C-alpha atoms as a PDB file:
ATOM      1  CA  MET A   1     143.614  60.482  56.885  1.00  0.00           C
ATOM      2  CA  ALA A   2     139.996  60.279  56.148  1.00  0.00           C
ATOM      3  CA  LYS A   3     138.864  59.448  52.622  1.00  0.00           C
ATOM      4  CA  ASN A   4     136.145  62.160  52.760  1.00  0.00           C
ATOM      5  CA  PRO A   5     136.956  65.125  55.062  1.00  0.00           C
ATOM      6  CA  VAL A   6     133.252  66.587  54.689  1.00  0.00           C
ATOM      7  CA  ILE A   7     131.734  63.215  56.015  1.00  0.00           C
ATOM      8  CA  THR A   8     134.126  63.028  58.824  1.00  0.00           C
ATOM      9  CA  LEU A   9     133.582  66.636  59.791  1.00  0.00           C
ATOM     10  CA  ASP A  10     129.877  66.025  59.800  1.00  0.00           C
ATOM     11  CA  GLN A  11     130.224  63.007  62.043  1.00  0.00           C
ATOM     12  CA  ILE A  12     132.371  64.994  64.517  1.00  0.00           C
ATOM     13  CA  ILE A  13     129.743  67.693  64.585  1.00  0.00           C
ATOM     14  CA  LYS A  14     127.073  65.123  65.253  1.00  0.00           C
ATOM     15  CA  LEU A  15     129.110  63.654  68.078  1.00  0.00           C
ATOM     16  CA  LEU A  16     129.884  66.959  69.666  1.00  0.00           C
ATOM     17  CA  SER A  17     126.266  68.793  69.427  1.00  0.00           C
ATOM     18  CA  PRO A  18     124.852  66.804  72.064  1.00  0.00           C
ATOM     19  CA  LYS A  19     127.845  67.220  74.317  1.00  0.00           C
ATOM     20  CA  VAL A  20     127.845  70.954  73.702  1.00  0.00           C
ATOM     21  CA  VAL A  21     123.887  71.214  74.432  1.00  0.00           C
ATOM     22  CA  GLN A  22     124.604  69.371  77.752  1.00  0.00           C
ATOM     23  CA  VAL A  23     127.479  71.820  78.732  1.00  0.00           C
ATOM     24  CA  VAL A  24     125.171  74.973  77.817  1.00  0.00           C
ATOM     25  CA  LYS A  25     122.269  73.564  79.857  1.00  0.00           C
ATOM     26  CA  GLU A  26     124.632  72.759  82.811  1.00  0.00           C
ATOM     27  CA  HIS A  27     125.934  76.172  82.801  1.00  0.00           C
ATOM     28  CA  SER A  28     122.486  77.750  82.397  1.00  0.00           C
ATOM     29  CA  VAL A  29     121.439  75.987  85.668  1.00  0.00           C
ATOM     30  CA  ARG A  30     124.743  76.927  87.119  1.00  0.00           C
ATOM     31  CA  LEU A  31     124.313  80.637  86.469  1.00  0.00           C
ATOM     32  CA  TRP A  32     120.774  80.489  87.709  1.00  0.00           C
ATOM     33  CA  GLN A  33     121.854  79.044  91.069  1.00  0.00           C
ATOM     34  CA  GLN A  34     124.494  81.619  91.278  1.00  0.00           C
ATOM     35  CA  VAL A  35     122.141  84.611  90.818  1.00  0.00           C
ATOM     36  CA  ILE A  36     119.728  82.941  93.279  1.00  0.00           C
ATOM     37  CA  ILE A  37     122.357  82.297  95.895  1.00  0.00           C
ATOM     38  CA  ARG A  38     124.581  85.349  95.556  1.00  0.00           C
ATOM     39  CA  HIS A  39     122.304  88.150  94.243  1.00  0.00           C
ATOM     40  CA  LEU A  40     118.783  87.557  95.170  1.00  0.00           C
ATOM     41  CA  THR A  41     119.055  86.026  98.662  1.00  0.00           C
ATOM     42  CA  GLY A  42     118.726  89.209 100.773  1.00  0.00           C
ATOM     43  CA  GLY A  43     120.701  91.912 102.580  1.00  0.00           C
ATOM     44  CA  ARG A  44     121.289  94.926 100.371  1.00  0.00           C
ATOM     45  CA  THR A  45     124.832  95.483  98.962  1.00  0.00           C
ATOM     46  CA  SER A  46     126.346  96.915  95.796  1.00  0.00           C
ATOM     47  CA  ASP A  47     125.541  93.607  93.983  1.00  0.00           C
ATOM     48  CA  ARG A  48     122.729  92.106  96.100  1.00  0.00           C
ATOM     49  CA  LEU A  49     119.017  92.882  96.186  1.00  0.00           C
ATOM     50  CA  GLY A  50     117.026  92.563  99.441  1.00  0.00           C
ATOM     51  CA  ARG A  51     114.468  89.715  99.188  1.00  0.00           C
ATOM     52  CA  ARG A  52     110.971  90.901 100.320  1.00  0.00           C
ATOM     53  CA  THR A  53     108.390  88.872  98.511  1.00  0.00           C
ATOM     54  CA  GLY A  54     110.774  86.678  96.558  1.00  0.00           C
ATOM     55  CA  THR A  55     108.824  87.253  93.305  1.00  0.00           C
ATOM     56  CA  LEU A  56     112.030  88.170  91.355  1.00  0.00           C
ATOM     57  CA  ALA A  57     113.743  85.029  92.637  1.00  0.00           C
ATOM     58  CA  ARG A  58     110.866  82.918  91.798  1.00  0.00           C
ATOM     59  CA  ALA A  59     110.681  84.270  88.352  1.00  0.00           C
ATOM     60  CA  THR A  60     114.270  83.868  87.453  1.00  0.00           C
ATOM     61  CA  ARG A  61     114.818  80.583  85.500  1.00  0.00           C
ATOM     62  CA  PRO A  62     117.508  78.922  83.197  1.00  0.00           C
ATOM     63  CA  LEU A  63     116.285  79.169  79.598  1.00  0.00           C
ATOM     64  CA  PRO A  64     115.616  75.916  77.718  1.00  0.00           C
ATOM     65  CA  VAL A  65     118.822  74.923  75.602  1.00  0.00           C
ATOM     66  CA  LYS A  66     117.848  75.241  71.789  1.00  0.00           C
ATOM     67  CA  MET A  67     119.934  74.146  68.836  1.00  0.00           C
ATOM     68  CA  GLU A  68     119.254  75.910  65.646  1.00  0.00           C
ATOM     69  CA  GLY A  69     121.658  74.613  62.930  1.00  0.00           C
ATOM     70  CA  SER A  70     125.065  74.875  64.311  1.00  0.00           C
ATOM     71  CA  LYS A  71     124.075  77.512  67.011  1.00  0.00           C
ATOM     72  CA  VAL A  72     123.450  76.391  70.522  1.00  0.00           C
ATOM     73  CA  THR A  73     121.558  78.947  72.743  1.00  0.00           C
ATOM     74  CA  GLY A  74     120.783  78.911  76.514  1.00  0.00           C
ATOM     75  CA  GLY A  75     121.032  81.327  79.334  1.00  0.00           C
ATOM     76  CA  LEU A  76     118.926  83.030  81.955  1.00  0.00           C
ATOM     77  CA  SER A  77     115.572  84.723  82.127  1.00  0.00           C
ATOM     78  CA  PHE A  78     114.424  87.364  84.641  1.00  0.00           C
ATOM     79  CA  GLY A  79     110.761  86.734  84.345  1.00  0.00           C
ATOM     80  CA  ALA A  80     109.362  89.603  86.643  1.00  0.00           C
ATOM     81  CA  GLU A  81     108.190  92.617  84.890  1.00  0.00           C
ATOM     82  CA  TYR A  82     110.351  94.898  87.130  1.00  0.00           C
ATOM     83  CA  ALA A  83     113.674  93.034  86.759  1.00  0.00           C
ATOM     84  CA  TRP A  84     114.865  95.673  84.212  1.00  0.00           C
ATOM     85  CA  ALA A  85     115.021  98.176  87.063  1.00  0.00           C
ATOM     86  CA  HIS A  86     117.612  95.941  89.023  1.00  0.00           C
ATOM     87  CA  ILE A  87     119.643  94.319  86.231  1.00  0.00           C
ATOM     88  CA  GLY A  88     121.760  96.422  84.079  1.00  0.00           C
ATOM     89  CA  PRO A  89     125.245  98.357  83.879  1.00  0.00           C
ATOM     90  CA  ALA A  90     126.658  98.745  87.144  1.00  0.00           C
ATOM     91  CA  GLY A  91     126.589 102.255  88.533  1.00  0.00           C
ATOM     92  CA  SER A  92     123.497 103.108  86.505  1.00  0.00           C
ATOM     93  CA  GLN A  93     120.312 104.289  88.163  1.00  0.00           C
ATOM     94  CA  VAL A  94     116.715 103.911  87.054  1.00  0.00           C
ATOM     95  CA  THR A  95     114.036 106.599  87.929  1.00  0.00           C
ATOM     96  CA  ILE A  96     110.587 105.366  88.587  1.00  0.00           C
ATOM     97  CA  ARG A  97     107.684 107.689  88.059  1.00  0.00           C
ATOM     98  CA  PRO A  98     104.037 107.158  88.575  1.00  0.00           C
ATOM     99  CA  LYS A  99     101.920 106.086  85.365  1.00  0.00           C
ATOM    100  CA  ASN A 100      98.349 107.030  86.464  1.00  0.00           C
ATOM    101  CA  LYS A 101      98.742 109.219  89.426  1.00  0.00           C
ATOM    102  CA  LYS A 102     100.623 112.396  90.407  1.00  0.00           C
ATOM    103  CA  PHE A 103     102.699 110.634  93.135  1.00  0.00           C
ATOM    104  CA  LEU A 104     104.257 107.308  94.044  1.00  0.00           C
ATOM    105  CA  ALA A 105     102.978 106.342  97.725  1.00  0.00           C
ATOM    106  CA  ILE A 106     106.132 104.838  99.283  1.00  0.00           C
ATOM    107  CA  PRO A 107     105.223 102.823 102.422  1.00  0.00           C
ATOM    108  CA  LEU A 108     106.732 103.649 105.883  1.00  0.00           C
ATOM    109  CA  ALA A 109     107.480 101.277 108.608  1.00  0.00           C
ATOM    110  CA  ALA A 110     103.869 101.259 110.017  1.00  0.00           C
ATOM    111  CA  ALA A 111     102.577 100.232 106.554  1.00  0.00           C
ATOM    112  CA  LYS A 112     104.911  97.263 106.122  1.00  0.00           C
ATOM    113  CA  THR A 113     105.179  93.786 107.468  1.00  0.00           C
ATOM    114  CA  ALA A 114     108.262  92.447 109.135  1.00  0.00           C
ATOM    115  CA  ALA A 115     109.475  91.303 105.712  1.00  0.00           C
ATOM    116  CA  GLY A 116     109.230  95.003 104.250  1.00  0.00           C
ATOM    117  CA  VAL A 117     106.046  94.321 102.137  1.00  0.00           C
ATOM    118  CA  ALA A 118     103.314  96.965 102.117  1.00  0.00           C
ATOM    119  CA  ARG A 119     100.238  95.607 103.942  1.00  0.00           C
ATOM    120  CA  GLY A 120      98.032  97.267 101.406  1.00  0.00           C
ATOM    121  CA  GLY A 121      97.795 100.525  99.214  1.00  0.00           C
ATOM    122  CA  PRO A 122      97.242 104.060 100.334  1.00  0.00           C
ATOM    123  CA  LEU A 123      93.573 103.912  99.195  1.00  0.00           C
ATOM    124  CA  SER A 124      92.986 100.505 100.960  1.00  0.00           C
ATOM    125  CA  GLY A 125      90.431 100.695 103.753  1.00  0.00           C
ATOM    126  CA  ILE A 126      92.612  98.821 106.262  1.00  0.00           C
ATOM    127  CA  TRP A 127      94.150 102.221 107.579  1.00  0.00           C
ATOM    128  CA  GLY A 128      90.859 103.664 108.862  1.00  0.00           C
ATOM    129  CA  PRO A 129      90.251 107.355 107.849  1.00  0.00           C
ATOM    130  CA  THR A 130      93.349 108.873 106.219  1.00  0.00           C
ATOM    131  CA  PHE A 131      94.662 112.411 105.644  1.00  0.00           C
ATOM    132  CA  ILE A 132      97.642 113.916 103.915  1.00  0.00           C
ATOM    133  CA  ALA A 133      99.959 116.448 105.578  1.00  0.00           C
ATOM    134  CA  LYS A 134     103.309 117.725 104.267  1.00  0.00           C
ATOM    135  CA  GLY A 135     103.491 114.892 101.747  1.00  0.00           C
ATOM    136  CA  ILE A 136     102.759 112.073 104.055  1.00  0.00           C
ATOM    137  CA  ILE A 137      99.567 110.037 104.371  1.00  0.00           C
ATOM    138  CA  PHE A 138      98.452 109.589 107.874  1.00  0.00           C
ATOM    139  CA  GLY A 139      95.826 107.082 109.249  1.00  0.00           C
ATOM    140  CA  PHE A 140      94.648 105.769 112.504  1.00  0.00           C
ATOM    141  CA  SER A 141      95.550 102.087 111.918  1.00  0.00           C
ATOM    142  CA  GLY A 142      98.754 100.334 110.885  1.00  0.00           C
ATOM    143  CA  GLY A 143      96.721  97.606 108.981  1.00  0.00           C
ATOM    144  CA  THR A 144      96.121  95.390 112.039  1.00  0.00           C
ATOM    145  CA  LYS A 145      93.893  95.353 114.952  1.00  0.00           C
ATOM    146  CA  THR A 146      96.717  95.698 117.493  1.00  0.00           C
ATOM    147  CA  THR A 147      97.799  98.949 115.669  1.00  0.00           C
ATOM    148  CA  GLN A 148      94.776 100.981 116.368  1.00  0.00           C
ATOM    149  CA  SER A 149      95.749 104.403 117.444  1.00  0.00           C
ATOM    150  CA  LYS A 150      94.101 107.668 118.677  1.00  0.00           C
ATOM    151  CA  THR A 151      96.805 109.633 117.204  1.00  0.00           C
ATOM    152  CA  PRO A 152      97.559 109.708 113.468  1.00  0.00           C
ATOM    153  CA  ILE A 153     100.245 107.014 112.362  1.00  0.00           C
ATOM    154  CA  PRO A 154     102.638 108.110 109.331  1.00  0.00           C
ATOM    155  CA  LEU A 155     101.924 105.356 106.526  1.00  0.00           C
ATOM    156  CA  PHE A 156     103.037 106.539 103.218  1.00  0.00           C
ATOM    157  CA  VAL A 157     105.344 109.301 101.973  1.00  0.00           C
ATOM    158  CA  LEU A 158     104.282 110.731  98.644  1.00  0.00           C
ATOM    159  CA  LYS A 159     107.122 111.193  96.057  1.00  0.00           C
ATOM    160  CA  ARG A 160     107.175 112.324  92.404  1.00  0.00           C
ATOM    161  CA  SER A 161     109.969 109.784  91.478  1.00  0.00           C
ATOM    162  CA  VAL A 162     112.197 107.343  93.136  1.00  0.00           C
ATOM    163  CA  VAL A 163     115.949 106.611  91.843  1.00  0.00           C
ATOM    164  CA  VAL A 164     116.839 102.902  92.128  1.00  0.00           C
ATOM    165  CA  PRO A 165     120.437 101.773  91.600  1.00  0.00           C
ATOM    166  CA  ARG A 166     120.977  98.827  89.320  1.00  0.00           C
ATOM    167  CA  ARG A 167     122.827  96.003  91.380  1.00  0.00           C
ATOM    168  CA  ILE A 168     123.320  93.131  89.114  1.00  0.00           C
ATOM    169  CA  HIS A 169     125.512  93.875  86.133  1.00  0.00           C
ATOM    170  CA  PRO A 170     125.121  91.204  83.539  1.00  0.00           C
ATOM    171  CA  LYS A 171     128.640  91.279  82.429  1.00  0.00           C
ATOM    172  CA  GLU A 172     130.697  91.736  85.674  1.00  0.00           C
ATOM    173  CA  HIS A 173     128.453  89.588  87.873  1.00  0.00           C
ATOM    174  CA  LEU A 174     127.064  86.932  85.625  1.00  0.00           C
ATOM    175  CA  LEU A 175     129.092  86.543  82.448  1.00  0.00           C
ATOM    176  CA  ASP A 176     132.609  87.157  83.853  1.00  0.00           C
ATOM    177  CA  TRP A 177     131.747  84.698  86.594  1.00  0.00           C
ATOM    178  CA  ALA A 178     130.463  81.951  84.238  1.00  0.00           C
ATOM    179  CA  LYS A 179     132.953  82.299  81.343  1.00  0.00           C
ATOM    180  CA  PRO A 180     136.173  80.506  82.653  1.00  0.00           C
ATOM    181  CA  LYS A 181     134.500  77.305  83.739  1.00  0.00           C
ATOM    182  CA  PHE A 182     132.216  77.354  80.579  1.00  0.00           C
ATOM    183  CA  LEU A 183     135.296  77.722  78.312  1.00  0.00           C
ATOM    184  CA  ALA A 184     137.104  75.077  80.302  1.00  0.00           C
ATOM    185  CA  ASP A 185     134.174  72.623  79.984  1.00  0.00           C
ATOM    186  CA  LEU A 186     133.900  73.286  76.290  1.00  0.00           C
ATOM    187  CA  SER A 187     137.569  72.833  75.692  1.00  0.00           C
ATOM    188  CA  GLN A 188     137.519  69.337  77.513  1.00  0.00           C
ATOM    189  CA  ILE A 189     134.616  68.159  75.118  1.00  0.00           C
ATOM    190  CA  VAL A 190     136.370  69.522  71.891  1.00  0.00           C
ATOM    191  CA  LYS A 191     139.900  67.735  72.758  1.00  0.00           C
ATOM    192  CA  VAL A 192     140.381  65.139  70.220  1.00  0.00           C
ATOM    193  CA  GLY A 193     142.776  62.259  70.885  1.00  0.00           C
END
């Protein structure tokens, strides 16, 4: 038995702290890799986002591990400003409304690249002369020289709002996936003897 249990406990904590920090760091990186590989690679399913520009995937990073007193924190950061619309409770939906205009302009096939990204906004000059009919913006160019047309091309549909389903549930898709291995790794470093 130790002569002074408080000093012995302090020594154990000093020995365990760097190991716990390392486990948290490894699992933050592991969680980040899982999100990128499983949830942000493309193809739309109930728990996967279609990748168009890759901005959300590039902005997702593991948080630096911090130790404050006896508390170790780490995790994942979704740095894109629109991440809140895709990450949240499963089954919930987010309604997106215009901020400065009356309508959202949703690009149609002729106004998008092969990756699904809009070639330009509805007010961009690349469409040539445009007009609106029945809630659709028509133009005479699909944004490239090869898509010049004598007949109008539908470019954007005007909507007052759009409903987006949240696809990545923090608890079901992230925490429940990471927790078993994380706890197993922590129990390995805490075992004494």
